[in-house]
């Protein structure tokens, strides 16, 4: 797939088929994550947790429902795979760098997923709500000095991903020449 076709085809997927993605597909997405830019090259300050265990996915959904007071919460939209991006925060003054690094990693995974025909959606709400408590953090084997920052779902979309036109003026732009 050409790069701009991938860009035009990428969208947030909120409905998935139940079939698990293949290891080959997962590895391609994770390779893209590893190719993402990370500030000062501090890749050791980033950790990825791939969750395909249905019991753990259910626990995270339940935790989100409880914390958000929304019993019907479905933060993963039925996706069979969730990748959590966790970061080590060395300097509290640089917290924005942590989120920027995670966002770059997520975007690379989004684009790779789209390129190979997988659906994906950027997840932030369930993490910001505190759905990954200390107990879940241990079950997810997230290193002690790392904190979950964001996540992405991966799976086969129920609707085909199709190329769309992207308005060139969605984001306000000013030019200084």
N, C-alpha and C. Protein backbone atom coordinates (compact mmCIF):
# COMPACT_ATOMS: atom_id res chain seq x y z
N UNK A 1 0.86 -1.18 0.00
CA UNK A 1 0.00 0.00 0.00
C UNK A 1 0.90 1.23 0.00
N UNK A 2 0.55 2.21 -0.79
CA UNK A 2 1.28 3.47 -0.80
C UNK A 2 1.01 4.23 0.49
N UNK A 3 2.00 5.04 0.90
CA UNK A 3 1.89 5.74 2.17
C UNK A 3 0.64 6.60 2.26
N UNK A 4 0.38 7.42 1.25
CA UNK A 4 -0.78 8.32 1.35
C UNK A 4 -2.10 7.57 1.22
N UNK A 5 -2.08 6.42 0.58
CA UNK A 5 -3.30 5.59 0.58
C UNK A 5 -3.54 5.07 2.00
N UNK A 6 -2.48 4.66 2.68
CA UNK A 6 -2.60 4.22 4.07
C UNK A 6 -3.14 5.34 4.94
N UNK A 7 -2.58 6.54 4.76
CA UNK A 7 -3.03 7.71 5.53
C UNK A 7 -4.53 7.95 5.30
N UNK A 8 -4.95 7.87 4.05
CA UNK A 8 -6.35 8.15 3.73
C UNK A 8 -7.29 7.01 4.15
N UNK A 9 -6.75 5.83 4.35
CA UNK A 9 -7.57 4.68 4.73
C UNK A 9 -7.66 4.52 6.25
N UNK A 10 -6.67 5.00 6.98
CA UNK A 10 -6.64 4.86 8.44
C UNK A 10 -7.82 5.59 9.08
N UNK A 11 -8.50 4.90 9.96
CA UNK A 11 -9.58 5.51 10.73
C UNK A 11 -9.74 4.72 12.02
N UNK A 12 -10.41 5.29 12.97
CA UNK A 12 -10.66 4.58 14.23
C UNK A 12 -11.71 3.50 14.01
N UNK A 13 -11.38 2.29 14.39
CA UNK A 13 -12.29 1.15 14.24
C UNK A 13 -12.93 0.86 15.59
N UNK A 14 -14.25 0.83 15.60
CA UNK A 14 -14.97 0.60 16.85
C UNK A 14 -15.90 -0.61 16.79
N UNK A 15 -15.57 -1.54 15.89
CA UNK A 15 -16.32 -2.79 15.80
C UNK A 15 -15.40 -3.83 15.16
N UNK A 16 -15.21 -4.94 15.87
CA UNK A 16 -14.25 -5.96 15.44
C UNK A 16 -14.88 -7.34 15.33
N UNK A 17 -14.31 -8.14 14.44
CA UNK A 17 -14.64 -9.56 14.38
C UNK A 17 -13.94 -10.24 15.56
N UNK A 18 -14.47 -11.35 16.04
CA UNK A 18 -13.87 -11.99 17.22
C UNK A 18 -12.55 -12.72 16.97
N UNK A 19 -12.22 -13.03 15.71
CA UNK A 19 -11.01 -13.79 15.41
C UNK A 19 -9.76 -13.03 15.83
N UNK A 20 -8.82 -13.78 16.41
CA UNK A 20 -7.55 -13.19 16.84
C UNK A 20 -6.66 -12.91 15.62
N UNK A 21 -5.88 -11.85 15.69
CA UNK A 21 -4.93 -11.55 14.62
C UNK A 21 -3.79 -12.57 14.67
N UNK A 22 -3.07 -12.69 13.56
CA UNK A 22 -1.98 -13.66 13.51
C UNK A 22 -0.73 -13.08 14.19
N UNK A 23 0.18 -13.97 14.56
CA UNK A 23 1.45 -13.53 15.13
C UNK A 23 2.23 -12.69 14.13
N UNK A 24 2.16 -13.06 12.86
CA UNK A 24 2.86 -12.30 11.82
C UNK A 24 2.32 -10.86 11.75
N UNK A 25 1.00 -10.72 11.79
CA UNK A 25 0.40 -9.37 11.77
C UNK A 25 0.82 -8.58 13.02
N UNK A 26 0.74 -9.23 14.17
CA UNK A 26 1.13 -8.56 15.41
C UNK A 26 2.59 -8.12 15.35
N UNK A 27 3.46 -8.98 14.86
CA UNK A 27 4.88 -8.64 14.79
C UNK A 27 5.15 -7.46 13.86
N UNK A 28 4.39 -7.35 12.78
CA UNK A 28 4.55 -6.19 11.89
C UNK A 28 4.15 -4.90 12.60
N UNK A 29 3.07 -4.95 13.35
CA UNK A 29 2.62 -3.77 14.09
C UNK A 29 3.64 -3.40 15.17
N UNK A 30 4.18 -4.40 15.85
CA UNK A 30 5.16 -4.13 16.90
C UNK A 30 6.48 -3.63 16.31
N UNK A 31 6.83 -4.07 15.12
CA UNK A 31 8.02 -3.54 14.44
C UNK A 31 7.83 -2.05 14.17
N UNK A 32 6.64 -1.69 13.72
CA UNK A 32 6.34 -0.27 13.48
C UNK A 32 6.45 0.53 14.78
N UNK A 33 5.99 -0.05 15.89
CA UNK A 33 6.11 0.63 17.19
C UNK A 33 7.58 0.89 17.51
N UNK A 34 8.42 -0.10 17.24
CA UNK A 34 9.84 0.04 17.53
C UNK A 34 10.55 1.01 16.60
N UNK A 35 9.92 1.35 15.48
CA UNK A 35 10.49 2.31 14.54
C UNK A 35 10.09 3.74 14.86
N UNK A 36 9.20 3.92 15.82
CA UNK A 36 8.70 5.26 16.17
C UNK A 36 9.79 6.11 16.81
N UNK A 37 9.72 7.42 16.59
CA UNK A 37 10.68 8.30 17.26
C UNK A 37 10.36 8.39 18.75
N UNK A 38 11.40 8.34 19.56
CA UNK A 38 11.28 8.49 21.01
C UNK A 38 12.32 9.52 21.44
N UNK A 39 11.87 10.52 22.18
CA UNK A 39 12.74 11.62 22.59
C UNK A 39 14.05 11.15 23.21
N UNK A 40 15.14 11.74 22.72
CA UNK A 40 16.49 11.43 23.19
C UNK A 40 16.86 9.95 23.02
N UNK A 41 16.10 9.24 22.20
CA UNK A 41 16.40 7.82 21.97
C UNK A 41 16.27 6.96 23.22
N UNK A 42 15.45 7.39 24.17
CA UNK A 42 15.29 6.66 25.44
C UNK A 42 14.26 5.53 25.30
N UNK A 43 14.53 4.61 24.40
CA UNK A 43 13.61 3.49 24.17
C UNK A 43 13.46 2.62 25.42
N UNK A 44 14.46 2.64 26.29
CA UNK A 44 14.37 1.86 27.52
C UNK A 44 13.34 2.43 28.49
N UNK A 45 12.84 3.63 28.20
CA UNK A 45 11.80 4.24 29.05
C UNK A 45 10.39 3.94 28.55
N UNK A 46 10.29 3.05 27.56
CA UNK A 46 8.98 2.67 27.01
C UNK A 46 8.84 1.15 27.12
N UNK A 47 7.63 0.72 27.45
CA UNK A 47 7.35 -0.71 27.55
C UNK A 47 6.00 -0.99 26.90
N UNK A 48 5.93 -2.03 26.09
CA UNK A 48 4.67 -2.43 25.46
C UNK A 48 4.17 -3.72 26.10
N UNK A 49 2.88 -3.75 26.37
CA UNK A 49 2.23 -4.95 26.90
C UNK A 49 1.16 -5.37 25.91
N UNK A 50 1.31 -6.53 25.33
CA UNK A 50 0.33 -7.06 24.38
C UNK A 50 -0.62 -7.96 25.16
N UNK A 51 -1.90 -7.61 25.13
CA UNK A 51 -2.91 -8.38 25.87
C UNK A 51 -3.85 -9.06 24.87
N UNK A 52 -3.81 -10.39 24.86
CA UNK A 52 -4.72 -11.18 24.05
C UNK A 52 -5.50 -12.16 24.92
N UNK A 53 -5.18 -12.20 26.18
CA UNK A 53 -5.83 -13.07 27.14
C UNK A 53 -7.23 -12.53 27.41
N UNK A 54 -8.25 -13.32 27.07
CA UNK A 54 -9.63 -12.83 27.18
C UNK A 54 -10.03 -12.54 28.62
N UNK A 55 -9.49 -13.30 29.56
CA UNK A 55 -9.80 -13.06 30.97
C UNK A 55 -9.27 -11.69 31.42
N UNK A 56 -8.06 -11.37 31.04
CA UNK A 56 -7.49 -10.07 31.40
C UNK A 56 -8.20 -8.93 30.68
N UNK A 57 -8.54 -9.14 29.42
CA UNK A 57 -9.30 -8.11 28.69
C UNK A 57 -10.62 -7.85 29.40
N UNK A 58 -11.28 -8.92 29.84
CA UNK A 58 -12.56 -8.78 30.56
C UNK A 58 -12.37 -8.04 31.88
N UNK A 59 -11.28 -8.31 32.58
CA UNK A 59 -11.01 -7.61 33.85
C UNK A 59 -10.82 -6.11 33.60
N UNK A 60 -10.14 -5.78 32.51
CA UNK A 60 -9.92 -4.36 32.21
C UNK A 60 -11.24 -3.68 31.83
N UNK A 61 -12.09 -4.38 31.10
CA UNK A 61 -13.41 -3.84 30.75
C UNK A 61 -14.22 -3.62 32.03
N UNK A 62 -14.20 -4.61 32.91
CA UNK A 62 -14.95 -4.50 34.17
C UNK A 62 -14.42 -3.35 35.02
N UNK A 63 -13.13 -3.21 35.10
CA UNK A 63 -12.53 -2.11 35.87
C UNK A 63 -12.94 -0.76 35.30
N UNK A 64 -12.94 -0.65 33.98
CA UNK A 64 -13.36 0.59 33.32
C UNK A 64 -14.82 0.90 33.64
N UNK A 65 -15.68 -0.12 33.56
CA UNK A 65 -17.10 0.06 33.84
C UNK A 65 -17.32 0.54 35.27
N UNK A 66 -16.59 -0.05 36.21
CA UNK A 66 -16.73 0.34 37.62
C UNK A 66 -16.25 1.76 37.86
N UNK A 67 -15.09 2.09 37.34
CA UNK A 67 -14.51 3.42 37.58
C UNK A 67 -15.32 4.52 36.91
N UNK A 68 -15.81 4.24 35.71
CA UNK A 68 -16.54 5.26 34.96
C UNK A 68 -18.02 5.32 35.32
N UNK A 69 -18.47 4.39 36.15
CA UNK A 69 -19.90 4.29 36.49
C UNK A 69 -20.75 4.06 35.25
N UNK A 70 -20.18 3.37 34.28
CA UNK A 70 -20.89 3.03 33.05
C UNK A 70 -20.87 1.51 32.91
N UNK A 71 -21.92 0.84 33.37
CA UNK A 71 -21.92 -0.62 33.35
C UNK A 71 -21.80 -1.22 31.95
N UNK A 72 -22.17 -0.46 30.93
CA UNK A 72 -22.09 -0.97 29.55
C UNK A 72 -20.79 -0.56 28.86
N UNK A 73 -19.83 -0.05 29.62
CA UNK A 73 -18.57 0.40 29.02
C UNK A 73 -17.93 -0.72 28.21
N UNK A 74 -17.47 -0.38 27.04
CA UNK A 74 -16.81 -1.34 26.16
C UNK A 74 -15.61 -0.64 25.53
N UNK A 75 -14.57 -0.35 26.32
CA UNK A 75 -13.47 0.47 25.82
C UNK A 75 -12.67 -0.15 24.69
N UNK A 76 -12.77 -1.46 24.51
CA UNK A 76 -11.98 -2.12 23.47
C UNK A 76 -12.81 -2.47 22.23
N UNK A 77 -14.10 -2.19 22.27
CA UNK A 77 -14.99 -2.39 21.12
C UNK A 77 -14.96 -3.82 20.58
N UNK A 78 -14.65 -4.77 21.44
CA UNK A 78 -14.62 -6.17 21.03
C UNK A 78 -13.33 -6.60 20.36
N UNK A 79 -12.32 -5.75 20.35
CA UNK A 79 -11.04 -6.12 19.73
C UNK A 79 -10.38 -7.24 20.52
N UNK A 80 -9.79 -8.21 19.81
CA UNK A 80 -9.16 -9.34 20.51
C UNK A 80 -7.74 -9.05 21.01
N UNK A 81 -7.17 -7.93 20.60
CA UNK A 81 -5.81 -7.57 21.02
C UNK A 81 -5.77 -6.12 21.45
N UNK A 82 -5.12 -5.87 22.58
CA UNK A 82 -4.88 -4.51 23.05
C UNK A 82 -3.39 -4.40 23.37
N UNK A 83 -2.77 -3.34 22.88
CA UNK A 83 -1.36 -3.08 23.20
C UNK A 83 -1.33 -1.84 24.08
N UNK A 84 -0.80 -2.00 25.28
CA UNK A 84 -0.68 -0.90 26.24
C UNK A 84 0.73 -0.33 26.15
N UNK A 85 0.82 0.99 26.04
CA UNK A 85 2.11 1.68 26.03
C UNK A 85 2.31 2.26 27.43
N UNK A 86 3.36 1.81 28.09
CA UNK A 86 3.71 2.32 29.42
C UNK A 86 5.06 3.02 29.33
N UNK A 87 5.23 4.04 30.15
CA UNK A 87 6.47 4.81 30.13
C UNK A 87 7.01 4.99 31.55
N UNK A 88 8.33 5.09 31.61
CA UNK A 88 9.00 5.42 32.87
C UNK A 88 9.17 6.93 32.87
N UNK A 89 8.75 7.57 33.93
CA UNK A 89 8.85 9.02 34.03
C UNK A 89 10.05 9.38 34.89
N UNK A 90 11.14 9.76 34.22
CA UNK A 90 12.37 10.11 34.94
C UNK A 90 12.27 11.48 35.59
N UNK A 91 11.64 12.41 34.86
CA UNK A 91 11.58 13.80 35.32
C UNK A 91 10.14 14.29 35.19
N UNK A 92 9.44 14.54 36.31
CA UNK A 92 8.04 14.99 36.25
C UNK A 92 7.85 16.24 35.39
N UNK A 93 8.88 17.04 35.23
CA UNK A 93 8.78 18.24 34.40
C UNK A 93 8.69 17.89 32.92
N UNK A 94 9.01 16.64 32.57
CA UNK A 94 9.01 16.23 31.16
C UNK A 94 7.87 15.27 30.85
N UNK A 95 6.78 15.37 31.59
CA UNK A 95 5.66 14.46 31.37
C UNK A 95 5.10 14.60 29.96
N UNK A 96 5.15 15.79 29.37
CA UNK A 96 4.63 15.96 28.01
C UNK A 96 5.44 15.14 27.01
N UNK A 97 6.74 14.98 27.24
CA UNK A 97 7.57 14.15 26.36
C UNK A 97 7.12 12.69 26.42
N UNK A 98 6.73 12.25 27.60
CA UNK A 98 6.26 10.88 27.77
C UNK A 98 5.03 10.64 26.91
N UNK A 99 4.08 11.56 26.96
CA UNK A 99 2.86 11.41 26.16
C UNK A 99 3.15 11.55 24.67
N UNK A 100 4.10 12.42 24.31
CA UNK A 100 4.47 12.57 22.90
C UNK A 100 5.09 11.28 22.38
N UNK A 101 5.97 10.68 23.16
CA UNK A 101 6.58 9.41 22.74
C UNK A 101 5.51 8.34 22.54
N UNK A 102 4.60 8.23 23.49
CA UNK A 102 3.53 7.23 23.39
C UNK A 102 2.67 7.48 22.16
N UNK A 103 2.36 8.75 21.89
CA UNK A 103 1.53 9.09 20.73
C UNK A 103 2.22 8.71 19.42
N UNK A 104 3.53 8.94 19.34
CA UNK A 104 4.27 8.55 18.13
C UNK A 104 4.23 7.04 17.93
N UNK A 105 4.40 6.31 19.01
CA UNK A 105 4.38 4.85 18.95
C UNK A 105 3.00 4.36 18.52
N UNK A 106 1.96 4.93 19.11
CA UNK A 106 0.58 4.54 18.76
C UNK A 106 0.31 4.84 17.29
N UNK A 107 0.70 6.02 16.81
CA UNK A 107 0.44 6.38 15.41
C UNK A 107 1.15 5.42 14.46
N UNK A 108 2.40 5.06 14.76
CA UNK A 108 3.08 4.09 13.90
C UNK A 108 2.32 2.76 13.87
N UNK A 109 1.81 2.33 15.03
CA UNK A 109 1.05 1.08 15.06
C UNK A 109 -0.26 1.22 14.29
N UNK A 110 -0.92 2.38 14.41
CA UNK A 110 -2.15 2.64 13.63
C UNK A 110 -1.88 2.47 12.14
N UNK A 111 -0.83 3.12 11.66
CA UNK A 111 -0.53 3.09 10.23
C UNK A 111 -0.15 1.69 9.77
N UNK A 112 0.65 0.99 10.56
CA UNK A 112 1.02 -0.38 10.19
C UNK A 112 -0.21 -1.28 10.16
N UNK A 113 -1.08 -1.14 11.16
CA UNK A 113 -2.30 -1.95 11.19
C UNK A 113 -3.14 -1.70 9.94
N UNK A 114 -3.32 -0.44 9.60
CA UNK A 114 -4.10 -0.10 8.40
C UNK A 114 -3.46 -0.70 7.16
N UNK A 115 -2.15 -0.59 7.06
CA UNK A 115 -1.43 -1.08 5.88
C UNK A 115 -1.64 -2.57 5.65
N UNK A 116 -1.82 -3.33 6.73
CA UNK A 116 -2.01 -4.78 6.58
C UNK A 116 -3.46 -5.21 6.75
N UNK A 117 -4.38 -4.22 6.76
CA UNK A 117 -5.80 -4.53 6.76
C UNK A 117 -6.43 -4.74 8.13
N UNK A 118 -5.72 -4.35 9.19
CA UNK A 118 -6.29 -4.46 10.54
C UNK A 118 -6.96 -3.16 10.94
N UNK A 119 -7.95 -3.26 11.80
CA UNK A 119 -8.55 -2.09 12.40
C UNK A 119 -7.83 -1.76 13.69
N UNK A 120 -7.94 -0.50 14.10
CA UNK A 120 -7.29 -0.07 15.34
C UNK A 120 -7.97 1.20 15.84
N UNK A 121 -7.83 1.44 17.14
CA UNK A 121 -8.31 2.70 17.70
C UNK A 121 -7.40 3.08 18.87
N UNK A 122 -7.09 4.36 18.95
CA UNK A 122 -6.25 4.91 20.02
C UNK A 122 -7.09 4.96 21.29
N UNK A 123 -6.57 4.40 22.36
CA UNK A 123 -7.28 4.38 23.65
C UNK A 123 -6.54 5.23 24.67
N UNK A 124 -7.27 6.13 25.27
CA UNK A 124 -6.70 6.96 26.32
C UNK A 124 -7.62 7.03 27.53
N UNK A 125 -8.92 7.06 27.27
CA UNK A 125 -9.91 7.26 28.33
C UNK A 125 -9.84 6.25 29.45
N UNK A 126 -9.76 4.97 29.12
CA UNK A 126 -9.78 3.96 30.19
C UNK A 126 -8.51 4.02 31.03
N UNK A 127 -7.42 4.47 30.44
CA UNK A 127 -6.18 4.61 31.21
C UNK A 127 -6.24 5.85 32.09
N UNK A 128 -6.71 6.95 31.52
CA UNK A 128 -6.81 8.19 32.31
C UNK A 128 -7.82 8.05 33.44
N UNK A 129 -8.80 7.18 33.26
CA UNK A 129 -9.79 6.96 34.32
C UNK A 129 -9.21 6.12 35.45
N UNK A 130 -8.02 5.57 35.23
CA UNK A 130 -7.40 4.75 36.27
C UNK A 130 -7.85 3.31 36.26
N UNK A 131 -8.32 2.83 35.11
CA UNK A 131 -8.85 1.46 35.03
C UNK A 131 -7.77 0.41 35.28
N UNK A 132 -6.51 0.76 35.03
CA UNK A 132 -5.43 -0.19 35.31
C UNK A 132 -4.92 0.11 36.71
N UNK A 133 -5.53 -0.53 37.69
CA UNK A 133 -5.13 -0.35 39.08
C UNK A 133 -3.87 -1.16 39.36
N UNK A 134 -3.35 -1.06 40.56
CA UNK A 134 -2.10 -1.75 40.91
C UNK A 134 -2.22 -3.27 40.75
N UNK A 135 -3.37 -3.82 41.08
CA UNK A 135 -3.58 -5.26 40.94
C UNK A 135 -3.51 -5.67 39.47
N UNK A 136 -4.22 -4.93 38.62
CA UNK A 136 -4.18 -5.24 37.18
C UNK A 136 -2.79 -4.99 36.60
N UNK A 137 -2.14 -3.95 37.07
CA UNK A 137 -0.79 -3.64 36.59
C UNK A 137 0.14 -4.84 36.83
N UNK A 138 -0.01 -5.48 37.98
CA UNK A 138 0.79 -6.67 38.28
C UNK A 138 0.41 -7.83 37.37
N UNK A 139 -0.89 -8.04 37.18
CA UNK A 139 -1.34 -9.13 36.30
C UNK A 139 -0.88 -8.92 34.87
N UNK A 140 -0.79 -7.65 34.47
CA UNK A 140 -0.36 -7.32 33.11
C UNK A 140 1.16 -7.31 32.98
N UNK A 141 1.84 -7.55 34.09
CA UNK A 141 3.30 -7.61 34.13
C UNK A 141 3.95 -6.32 33.63
N UNK A 142 3.31 -5.20 33.94
CA UNK A 142 3.89 -3.90 33.61
C UNK A 142 4.97 -3.63 34.65
N UNK A 143 6.20 -3.33 34.21
CA UNK A 143 7.28 -3.11 35.17
C UNK A 143 6.91 -2.07 36.23
N UNK A 144 7.41 -2.28 37.43
CA UNK A 144 7.03 -1.48 38.59
C UNK A 144 7.23 0.02 38.39
N UNK A 145 8.31 0.42 37.74
CA UNK A 145 8.59 1.85 37.60
C UNK A 145 8.02 2.45 36.31
N UNK A 146 7.09 1.74 35.67
CA UNK A 146 6.43 2.22 34.46
C UNK A 146 4.96 2.49 34.76
N UNK A 147 4.39 3.45 34.04
CA UNK A 147 2.97 3.75 34.17
C UNK A 147 2.29 3.67 32.81
N UNK A 148 1.12 3.04 32.73
CA UNK A 148 0.38 3.01 31.47
C UNK A 148 0.04 4.43 31.04
N UNK A 149 0.27 4.72 29.76
CA UNK A 149 0.05 6.07 29.23
C UNK A 149 -1.06 6.07 28.17
N UNK A 150 -1.07 5.06 27.32
CA UNK A 150 -2.09 4.97 26.28
C UNK A 150 -2.13 3.53 25.78
N UNK A 151 -3.02 3.27 24.85
CA UNK A 151 -3.15 1.91 24.32
C UNK A 151 -3.77 1.98 22.93
N UNK A 152 -3.75 0.84 22.26
CA UNK A 152 -4.36 0.72 20.94
C UNK A 152 -5.01 -0.66 20.84
N UNK A 153 -6.16 -0.71 20.21
CA UNK A 153 -6.80 -2.00 19.92
C UNK A 153 -6.33 -2.45 18.55
N UNK A 154 -6.33 -3.75 18.34
CA UNK A 154 -6.00 -4.33 17.04
C UNK A 154 -6.94 -5.50 16.77
N UNK A 155 -7.41 -5.58 15.55
CA UNK A 155 -8.27 -6.69 15.18
C UNK A 155 -8.78 -6.53 13.76
N UNK A 156 -9.56 -7.51 13.33
CA UNK A 156 -10.16 -7.45 12.00
C UNK A 156 -11.45 -6.63 12.10
N UNK A 157 -11.53 -5.55 11.33
CA UNK A 157 -12.73 -4.71 11.41
C UNK A 157 -13.95 -5.40 10.82
N UNK A 158 -15.12 -5.10 11.38
CA UNK A 158 -16.35 -5.67 10.82
C UNK A 158 -16.71 -4.99 9.50
N UNK A 159 -16.24 -3.76 9.32
CA UNK A 159 -16.46 -3.04 8.07
C UNK A 159 -15.12 -2.85 7.37
N UNK A 160 -15.14 -3.00 6.06
CA UNK A 160 -13.92 -2.85 5.28
C UNK A 160 -13.34 -1.44 5.44
N UNK A 161 -12.02 -1.37 5.55
CA UNK A 161 -11.35 -0.07 5.58
C UNK A 161 -11.27 0.45 4.15
N UNK A 162 -11.79 1.64 3.93
CA UNK A 162 -11.78 2.20 2.57
C UNK A 162 -11.11 3.56 2.57
N UNK A 163 -10.46 3.83 1.47
CA UNK A 163 -9.80 5.12 1.29
C UNK A 163 -10.85 6.22 1.26
N UNK A 164 -10.55 7.33 1.87
CA UNK A 164 -11.48 8.47 1.92
C UNK A 164 -10.70 9.74 1.62
N UNK A 165 -11.44 10.75 1.27
CA UNK A 165 -10.81 12.05 1.05
C UNK A 165 -10.65 12.74 2.39
N UNK A 166 -9.51 13.30 2.61
CA UNK A 166 -9.23 14.03 3.85
C UNK A 166 -9.23 15.52 3.51
N UNK A 167 -10.09 16.30 4.14
CA UNK A 167 -10.08 17.74 3.87
C UNK A 167 -8.74 18.35 4.27
N UNK A 168 -8.18 19.15 3.40
CA UNK A 168 -6.88 19.77 3.66
C UNK A 168 -6.98 20.90 4.68
N UNK A 169 -8.20 21.28 5.04
CA UNK A 169 -8.36 22.41 5.96
C UNK A 169 -9.00 22.00 7.30
N UNK A 170 -8.89 20.74 7.66
CA UNK A 170 -9.43 20.28 8.94
C UNK A 170 -8.73 20.96 10.11
N UNK A 171 -7.45 21.16 9.95
CA UNK A 171 -6.64 21.79 10.98
C UNK A 171 -6.29 23.19 10.49
N UNK A 172 -6.49 24.16 11.34
CA UNK A 172 -6.16 25.54 11.00
C UNK A 172 -4.67 25.67 10.72
N UNK A 173 -4.34 26.30 9.62
CA UNK A 173 -2.93 26.48 9.22
C UNK A 173 -2.71 27.94 8.86
N UNK A 174 -1.63 28.50 9.35
CA UNK A 174 -1.22 29.81 8.84
C UNK A 174 0.19 29.66 8.28
N UNK A 175 0.46 30.41 7.24
CA UNK A 175 1.75 30.34 6.56
C UNK A 175 2.52 31.63 6.80
N UNK A 176 3.75 31.51 7.17
CA UNK A 176 4.62 32.67 7.34
C UNK A 176 5.78 32.48 6.39
N UNK A 177 5.83 33.35 5.38
CA UNK A 177 6.89 33.21 4.36
C UNK A 177 7.83 34.39 4.41
